[in-house]
Amino acid sequence: QTNLDAKKDDAGTRQISPVIRQGGVDYVGAVAHTLTTGYLVQQDLYPLDPVGATWTAANVNADQFGVKVVT
């Protein structure tokens, strides 16, 4: 799972999505979370890795996890 903890501090709409980088490819989460001026704590579950395979210790350790501003 990914855990996002964020808020916006400017005007306008902001949405974020989790990102998993595996094998040099960025996989952006399918759900965009709308931020408010209060903190948003959101969990996204990934029962399989981004390419649809079973998670292994090796690919979890090799992957990079982050967040992307969608709008």
PDB file of N, CA and C in Angstrom:
ATOM      1  N   GLN A   1       0.838  -1.169   0.000  1.00  0.00           N
ATOM      2  CA  GLN A   1       0.000   0.000   0.000  1.00  0.00           C
ATOM      3  C   GLN A   1       0.884   1.233   0.000  1.00  0.00           C
ATOM      4  N   THR A   2       0.346   2.298  -0.541  1.00  0.00           N
ATOM      5  CA  THR A   2       1.003   3.591  -0.438  1.00  0.00           C
ATOM      6  C   THR A   2       0.213   4.431   0.548  1.00  0.00           C
ATOM      7  N   ASN A   3       0.893   5.314   1.245  1.00  0.00           N
ATOM      8  CA  ASN A   3       0.265   6.204   2.215  1.00  0.00           C
ATOM      9  C   ASN A   3       0.618   7.630   1.833  1.00  0.00           C
ATOM     10  N   LEU A   4      -0.383   8.423   1.508  1.00  0.00           N
ATOM     11  CA  LEU A   4      -0.175   9.819   1.138  1.00  0.00           C
ATOM     12  C   LEU A   4      -0.653  10.696   2.291  1.00  0.00           C
ATOM     13  N   ASP A   5       0.131  11.692   2.632  1.00  0.00           N
ATOM     14  CA  ASP A   5      -0.206  12.635   3.686  1.00  0.00           C
ATOM     15  C   ASP A   5       0.143  14.014   3.145  1.00  0.00           C
ATOM     16  N   ALA A   6      -0.863  14.789   2.756  1.00  0.00           N
ATOM     17  CA  ALA A   6      -0.587  16.054   2.073  1.00  0.00           C
ATOM     18  C   ALA A   6      -1.719  17.039   2.279  1.00  0.00           C
ATOM     19  N   LYS A   7      -1.430  18.312   2.056  1.00  0.00           N
ATOM     20  CA  LYS A   7      -2.445  19.361   2.020  1.00  0.00           C
ATOM     21  C   LYS A   7      -1.997  20.403   1.020  1.00  0.00           C
ATOM     22  N   LYS A   8      -2.911  21.261   0.592  1.00  0.00           N
ATOM     23  CA  LYS A   8      -2.531  22.323  -0.341  1.00  0.00           C
ATOM     24  C   LYS A   8      -2.447  23.634   0.426  1.00  0.00           C
ATOM     25  N   ASP A   9      -1.591  24.511  -0.042  1.00  0.00           N
ATOM     26  CA  ASP A   9      -1.424  25.795   0.635  1.00  0.00           C
ATOM     27  C   ASP A   9      -1.517  26.963  -0.343  1.00  0.00           C
ATOM     28  N   ASP A  10      -2.192  26.725  -1.471  1.00  0.00           N
ATOM     29  CA  ASP A  10      -2.375  27.790  -2.451  1.00  0.00           C
ATOM     30  C   ASP A  10      -3.813  27.745  -2.979  1.00  0.00           C
ATOM     31  N   ALA A  11      -4.164  28.702  -3.804  1.00  0.00           N
ATOM     32  CA  ALA A  11      -5.507  28.758  -4.368  1.00  0.00           C
ATOM     33  C   ALA A  11      -5.663  27.726  -5.479  1.00  0.00           C
ATOM     34  N   GLY A  12      -6.887  27.425  -5.812  1.00  0.00           N
ATOM     35  CA  GLY A  12      -7.144  26.508  -6.915  1.00  0.00           C
ATOM     36  C   GLY A  12      -7.264  25.073  -6.451  1.00  0.00           C
ATOM     37  N   THR A  13      -7.547  24.222  -7.409  1.00  0.00           N
ATOM     38  CA  THR A  13      -7.736  22.795  -7.142  1.00  0.00           C
ATOM     39  C   THR A  13      -6.415  22.060  -7.304  1.00  0.00           C
ATOM     40  N   ARG A  14      -6.159  21.126  -6.420  1.00  0.00           N
ATOM     41  CA  ARG A  14      -4.972  20.270  -6.517  1.00  0.00           C
ATOM     42  C   ARG A  14      -5.388  18.829  -6.284  1.00  0.00           C
ATOM     43  N   GLN A  15      -4.887  17.952  -7.129  1.00  0.00           N
ATOM     44  CA  GLN A  15      -5.088  16.521  -6.958  1.00  0.00           C
ATOM     45  C   GLN A  15      -3.737  15.832  -7.058  1.00  0.00           C
ATOM     46  N   ILE A  16      -3.585  14.789  -6.258  1.00  0.00           N
ATOM     47  CA  ILE A  16      -2.355  14.008  -6.283  1.00  0.00           C
ATOM     48  C   ILE A  16      -2.693  12.531  -6.451  1.00  0.00           C
ATOM     49  N   SER A  17      -1.729  11.796  -6.974  1.00  0.00           N
ATOM     50  CA  SER A  17      -1.841  10.343  -7.124  1.00  0.00           C
ATOM     51  C   SER A  17      -0.522   9.712  -6.707  1.00  0.00           C
ATOM     52  N   PRO A  18      -0.577   8.497  -6.181  1.00  0.00           N
ATOM     53  CA  PRO A  18       0.663   7.792  -5.871  1.00  0.00           C
ATOM     54  C   PRO A  18       1.361   7.358  -7.159  1.00  0.00           C
ATOM     55  N   VAL A  19       2.674   7.233  -7.087  1.00  0.00           N
ATOM     56  CA  VAL A  19       3.471   6.778  -8.228  1.00  0.00           C
ATOM     57  C   VAL A  19       4.393   5.662  -7.749  1.00  0.00           C
ATOM     58  N   ILE A  20       4.455   4.597  -8.518  1.00  0.00           N
ATOM     59  CA  ILE A  20       5.418   3.520  -8.269  1.00  0.00           C
ATOM     60  C   ILE A  20       6.311   3.432  -9.495  1.00  0.00           C
ATOM     61  N   ARG A  21       7.613   3.577  -9.289  1.00  0.00           N
ATOM     62  CA  ARG A  21       8.576   3.414 -10.386  1.00  0.00           C
ATOM     63  C   ARG A  21       9.156   2.015 -10.289  1.00  0.00           C
ATOM     64  N   GLN A  22       8.933   1.246 -11.344  1.00  0.00           N
ATOM     65  CA  GLN A  22       9.436  -0.127 -11.390  1.00  0.00           C
ATOM     66  C   GLN A  22      10.129  -0.333 -12.716  1.00  0.00           C
ATOM     67  N   GLY A  23      11.377  -0.746 -12.656  1.00  0.00           N
ATOM     68  CA  GLY A  23      12.142  -0.989 -13.880  1.00  0.00           C
ATOM     69  C   GLY A  23      12.291   0.257 -14.741  1.00  0.00           C
ATOM     70  N   GLY A  24      12.356   1.437 -14.114  1.00  0.00           N
ATOM     71  CA  GLY A  24      12.528   2.685 -14.856  1.00  0.00           C
ATOM     72  C   GLY A  24      11.257   3.249 -15.462  1.00  0.00           C
ATOM     73  N   VAL A  25      10.114   2.602 -15.205  1.00  0.00           N
ATOM     74  CA  VAL A  25       8.831   3.064 -15.730  1.00  0.00           C
ATOM     75  C   VAL A  25       7.981   3.565 -14.565  1.00  0.00           C
ATOM     76  N   ASP A  26       7.364   4.754 -14.737  1.00  0.00           N
ATOM     77  CA  ASP A  26       6.483   5.309 -13.711  1.00  0.00           C
ATOM     78  C   ASP A  26       5.060   4.821 -13.929  1.00  0.00           C
ATOM     79  N   TYR A  27       4.467   4.267 -12.890  1.00  0.00           N
ATOM     80  CA  TYR A  27       3.080   3.828 -12.903  1.00  0.00           C
ATOM     81  C   TYR A  27       2.306   4.721 -11.945  1.00  0.00           C
ATOM     82  N   VAL A  28       1.460   5.582 -12.502  1.00  0.00           N
ATOM     83  CA  VAL A  28       0.678   6.523 -11.701  1.00  0.00           C
ATOM     84  C   VAL A  28      -0.598   5.826 -11.262  1.00  0.00           C
ATOM     85  N   GLY A  29      -0.940   5.972  -9.991  1.00  0.00           N
ATOM     86  CA  GLY A  29      -2.149   5.362  -9.451  1.00  0.00           C
ATOM     87  C   GLY A  29      -3.395   5.808 -10.204  1.00  0.00           C
ATOM     88  N   ALA A  30      -4.383   4.943 -10.255  1.00  0.00           N
ATOM     89  CA  ALA A  30      -5.606   5.211 -11.013  1.00  0.00           C
ATOM     90  C   ALA A  30      -6.510   6.228 -10.332  1.00  0.00           C
ATOM     91  N   VAL A  31      -6.330   6.420  -9.026  1.00  0.00           N
ATOM     92  CA  VAL A  31      -7.201   7.321  -8.266  1.00  0.00           C
ATOM     93  C   VAL A  31      -6.458   8.609  -7.965  1.00  0.00           C
ATOM     94  N   ALA A  32      -7.100   9.738  -8.294  1.00  0.00           N
ATOM     95  CA  ALA A  32      -6.555  11.052  -7.946  1.00  0.00           C
ATOM     96  C   ALA A  32      -7.272  11.543  -6.692  1.00  0.00           C
ATOM     97  N   HIS A  33      -6.517  12.001  -5.708  1.00  0.00           N
ATOM     98  CA  HIS A  33      -7.068  12.466  -4.441  1.00  0.00           C
ATOM     99  C   HIS A  33      -7.060  13.991  -4.422  1.00  0.00           C
ATOM    100  N   THR A  34      -8.212  14.586  -4.167  1.00  0.00           N
ATOM    101  CA  THR A  34      -8.342  16.035  -4.137  1.00  0.00           C
ATOM    102  C   THR A  34      -7.877  16.554  -2.784  1.00  0.00           C
ATOM    103  N   LEU A  35      -6.958  17.507  -2.823  1.00  0.00           N
ATOM    104  CA  LEU A  35      -6.420  18.084  -1.590  1.00  0.00           C
ATOM    105  C   LEU A  35      -7.271  19.249  -1.115  1.00  0.00           C
ATOM    106  N   THR A  36      -7.256  19.469   0.194  1.00  0.00           N
ATOM    107  CA  THR A  36      -7.883  20.627   0.812  1.00  0.00           C
ATOM    108  C   THR A  36      -6.820  21.334   1.648  1.00  0.00           C
ATOM    109  N   THR A  37      -7.214  22.364   2.382  1.00  0.00           N
ATOM    110  CA  THR A  37      -6.244  23.081   3.216  1.00  0.00           C
ATOM    111  C   THR A  37      -5.929  22.331   4.507  1.00  0.00           C
ATOM    112  N   GLY A  38      -6.672  21.260   4.784  1.00  0.00           N
ATOM    113  CA  GLY A  38      -6.335  20.373   5.897  1.00  0.00           C
ATOM    114  C   GLY A  38      -5.616  19.148   5.352  1.00  0.00           C
ATOM    115  N   TYR A  39      -4.884  18.473   6.211  1.00  0.00           N
ATOM    116  CA  TYR A  39      -4.137  17.300   5.752  1.00  0.00           C
ATOM    117  C   TYR A  39      -5.061  16.169   5.308  1.00  0.00           C
ATOM    118  N   LEU A  40      -4.719  15.570   4.206  1.00  0.00           N
ATOM    119  CA  LEU A  40      -5.387  14.385   3.681  1.00  0.00           C
ATOM    120  C   LEU A  40      -4.462  13.205   3.931  1.00  0.00           C
ATOM    121  N   VAL A  41      -4.970  12.193   4.584  1.00  0.00           N
ATOM    122  CA  VAL A  41      -4.213  10.959   4.761  1.00  0.00           C
ATOM    123  C   VAL A  41      -4.970   9.887   3.990  1.00  0.00           C
ATOM    124  N   GLN A  42      -4.335   9.374   2.950  1.00  0.00           N
ATOM    125  CA  GLN A  42      -5.007   8.429   2.055  1.00  0.00           C
ATOM    126  C   GLN A  42      -4.130   7.212   1.820  1.00  0.00           C
ATOM    127  N   GLN A  43      -4.720   6.042   1.884  1.00  0.00           N
ATOM    128  CA  GLN A  43      -4.019   4.796   1.597  1.00  0.00           C
ATOM    129  C   GLN A  43      -4.582   4.201   0.316  1.00  0.00           C
ATOM    130  N   ASP A  44      -3.673   3.742  -0.543  1.00  0.00           N
ATOM    131  CA  ASP A  44      -4.059   3.039  -1.765  1.00  0.00           C
ATOM    132  C   ASP A  44      -3.455   1.638  -1.694  1.00  0.00           C
ATOM    133  N   LEU A  45      -4.298   0.635  -1.864  1.00  0.00           N
ATOM    134  CA  LEU A  45      -3.836  -0.749  -1.770  1.00  0.00           C
ATOM    135  C   LEU A  45      -3.439  -1.287  -3.135  1.00  0.00           C
ATOM    136  N   TYR A  46      -2.349  -2.021  -3.158  1.00  0.00           N
ATOM    137  CA  TYR A  46      -1.839  -2.650  -4.377  1.00  0.00           C
ATOM    138  C   TYR A  46      -1.611  -4.135  -4.090  1.00  0.00           C
ATOM    139  N   PRO A  47      -2.635  -4.973  -4.283  1.00  0.00           N
ATOM    140  CA  PRO A  47      -2.452  -6.393  -4.030  1.00  0.00           C
ATOM    141  C   PRO A  47      -1.448  -7.053  -4.994  1.00  0.00           C
ATOM    142  N   LEU A  48      -1.283  -6.438  -6.185  1.00  0.00           N
ATOM    143  CA  LEU A  48      -0.287  -6.895  -7.155  1.00  0.00           C
ATOM    144  C   LEU A  48       0.613  -5.728  -7.505  1.00  0.00           C
ATOM    145  N   ASP A  49       1.800  -6.019  -8.011  1.00  0.00           N
ATOM    146  CA  ASP A  49       2.696  -4.931  -8.400  1.00  0.00           C
ATOM    147  C   ASP A  49       2.144  -4.232  -9.654  1.00  0.00           C
ATOM    148  N   PRO A  50       2.745  -3.121 -10.082  1.00  0.00           N
ATOM    149  CA  PRO A  50       2.184  -2.344 -11.190  1.00  0.00           C
ATOM    150  C   PRO A  50       2.031  -3.090 -12.518  1.00  0.00           C
ATOM    151  N   VAL A  51       2.793  -4.153 -12.721  1.00  0.00           N
ATOM    152  CA  VAL A  51       2.657  -4.911 -13.969  1.00  0.00           C
ATOM    153  C   VAL A  51       1.768  -6.143 -13.798  1.00  0.00           C
ATOM    154  N   GLY A  52       1.126  -6.261 -12.629  1.00  0.00           N
ATOM    155  CA  GLY A  52       0.182  -7.349 -12.401  1.00  0.00           C
ATOM    156  C   GLY A  52       0.771  -8.618 -11.838  1.00  0.00           C
ATOM    157  N   ALA A  53       2.018  -8.578 -11.425  1.00  0.00           N
ATOM    158  CA  ALA A  53       2.676  -9.759 -10.861  1.00  0.00           C
ATOM    159  C   ALA A  53       2.583  -9.725  -9.332  1.00  0.00           C
ATOM    160  N   THR A  54       2.831 -10.866  -8.733  1.00  0.00           N
ATOM    161  CA  THR A  54       2.862 -10.954  -7.280  1.00  0.00           C
ATOM    162  C   THR A  54       4.065 -10.185  -6.752  1.00  0.00           C
ATOM    163  N   TRP A  55       3.850  -9.428  -5.671  1.00  0.00           N
ATOM    164  CA  TRP A  55       4.960  -8.700  -5.056  1.00  0.00           C
ATOM    165  C   TRP A  55       6.013  -9.684  -4.541  1.00  0.00           C
ATOM    166  N   THR A  56       7.259  -9.327  -4.709  1.00  0.00           N
ATOM    167  CA  THR A  56       8.372 -10.079  -4.127  1.00  0.00           C
ATOM    168  C   THR A  56       9.213  -9.104  -3.321  1.00  0.00           C
ATOM    169  N   ALA A  57       9.999  -9.624  -2.409  1.00  0.00           N
ATOM    170  CA  ALA A  57      10.889  -8.754  -1.636  1.00  0.00           C
ATOM    171  C   ALA A  57      11.843  -8.006  -2.566  1.00  0.00           C
ATOM    172  N   ALA A  58      12.295  -8.674  -3.614  1.00  0.00           N
ATOM    173  CA  ALA A  58      13.249  -8.049  -4.542  1.00  0.00           C
ATOM    174  C   ALA A  58      12.627  -6.863  -5.275  1.00  0.00           C
ATOM    175  N   ASN A  59      11.375  -7.000  -5.775  1.00  0.00           N
ATOM    176  CA  ASN A  59      10.835  -5.857  -6.504  1.00  0.00           C
ATOM    177  C   ASN A  59      10.377  -4.739  -5.570  1.00  0.00           C
ATOM    178  N   VAL A  60       9.930  -5.055  -4.366  1.00  0.00           N
ATOM    179  CA  VAL A  60       9.620  -3.992  -3.402  1.00  0.00           C
ATOM    180  C   VAL A  60      10.889  -3.203  -3.071  1.00  0.00           C
ATOM    181  N   ASN A  61      11.979  -3.901  -2.843  1.00  0.00           N
ATOM    182  CA  ASN A  61      13.240  -3.227  -2.505  1.00  0.00           C
ATOM    183  C   ASN A  61      13.791  -2.425  -3.679  1.00  0.00           C
ATOM    184  N   ALA A  62      13.537  -2.847  -4.902  1.00  0.00           N
ATOM    185  CA  ALA A  62      14.054  -2.149  -6.077  1.00  0.00           C
ATOM    186  C   ALA A  62      13.153  -1.001  -6.523  1.00  0.00           C
ATOM    187  N   ASP A  63      11.871  -1.049  -6.182  1.00  0.00           N
ATOM    188  CA  ASP A  63      10.920  -0.020  -6.612  1.00  0.00           C
ATOM    189  C   ASP A  63      11.143   1.289  -5.862  1.00  0.00           C
ATOM    190  N   GLN A  64      10.665   2.360  -6.479  1.00  0.00           N
ATOM    191  CA  GLN A  64      10.661   3.669  -5.839  1.00  0.00           C
ATOM    192  C   GLN A  64       9.209   4.118  -5.751  1.00  0.00           C
ATOM    193  N   PHE A  65       8.865   4.777  -4.647  1.00  0.00           N
ATOM    194  CA  PHE A  65       7.490   5.194  -4.396  1.00  0.00           C
ATOM    195  C   PHE A  65       7.460   6.697  -4.176  1.00  0.00           C
ATOM    196  N   GLY A  66       6.433   7.344  -4.737  1.00  0.00           N
ATOM    197  CA  GLY A  66       6.332   8.777  -4.583  1.00  0.00           C
ATOM    198  C   GLY A  66       4.924   9.260  -4.859  1.00  0.00           C
ATOM    199  N   VAL A  67       4.825  10.544  -5.159  1.00  0.00           N
ATOM    200  CA  VAL A  67       3.539  11.178  -5.402  1.00  0.00           C
ATOM    201  C   VAL A  67       3.669  12.118  -6.589  1.00  0.00           C
ATOM    202  N   LYS A  68       2.582  12.287  -7.326  1.00  0.00           N
ATOM    203  CA  LYS A  68       2.565  13.165  -8.494  1.00  0.00           C
ATOM    204  C   LYS A  68       1.386  14.120  -8.393  1.00  0.00           C
ATOM    205  N   VAL A  69       1.619  15.402  -8.661  1.00  0.00           N
ATOM    206  CA  VAL A  69       0.532  16.363  -8.755  1.00  0.00           C
ATOM    207  C   VAL A  69      -0.143  16.152 -10.103  1.00  0.00           C
ATOM    208  N   VAL A  70      -1.455  15.825 -10.060  1.00  0.00           N
ATOM    209  CA  VAL A  70      -2.188  15.527 -11.282  1.00  0.00           C
ATOM    210  C   VAL A  70      -2.776  16.802 -11.863  1.00  0.00           C
ATOM    211  N   THR A  71      -3.397  17.634 -11.033  1.00  0.00           N
ATOM    212  CA  THR A  71      -3.941  18.926 -11.474  1.00  0.00           C
ATOM    213  C   THR A  71      -3.646  19.980 -10.445  1.00  0.00           C
TER     214      THR A  71
END
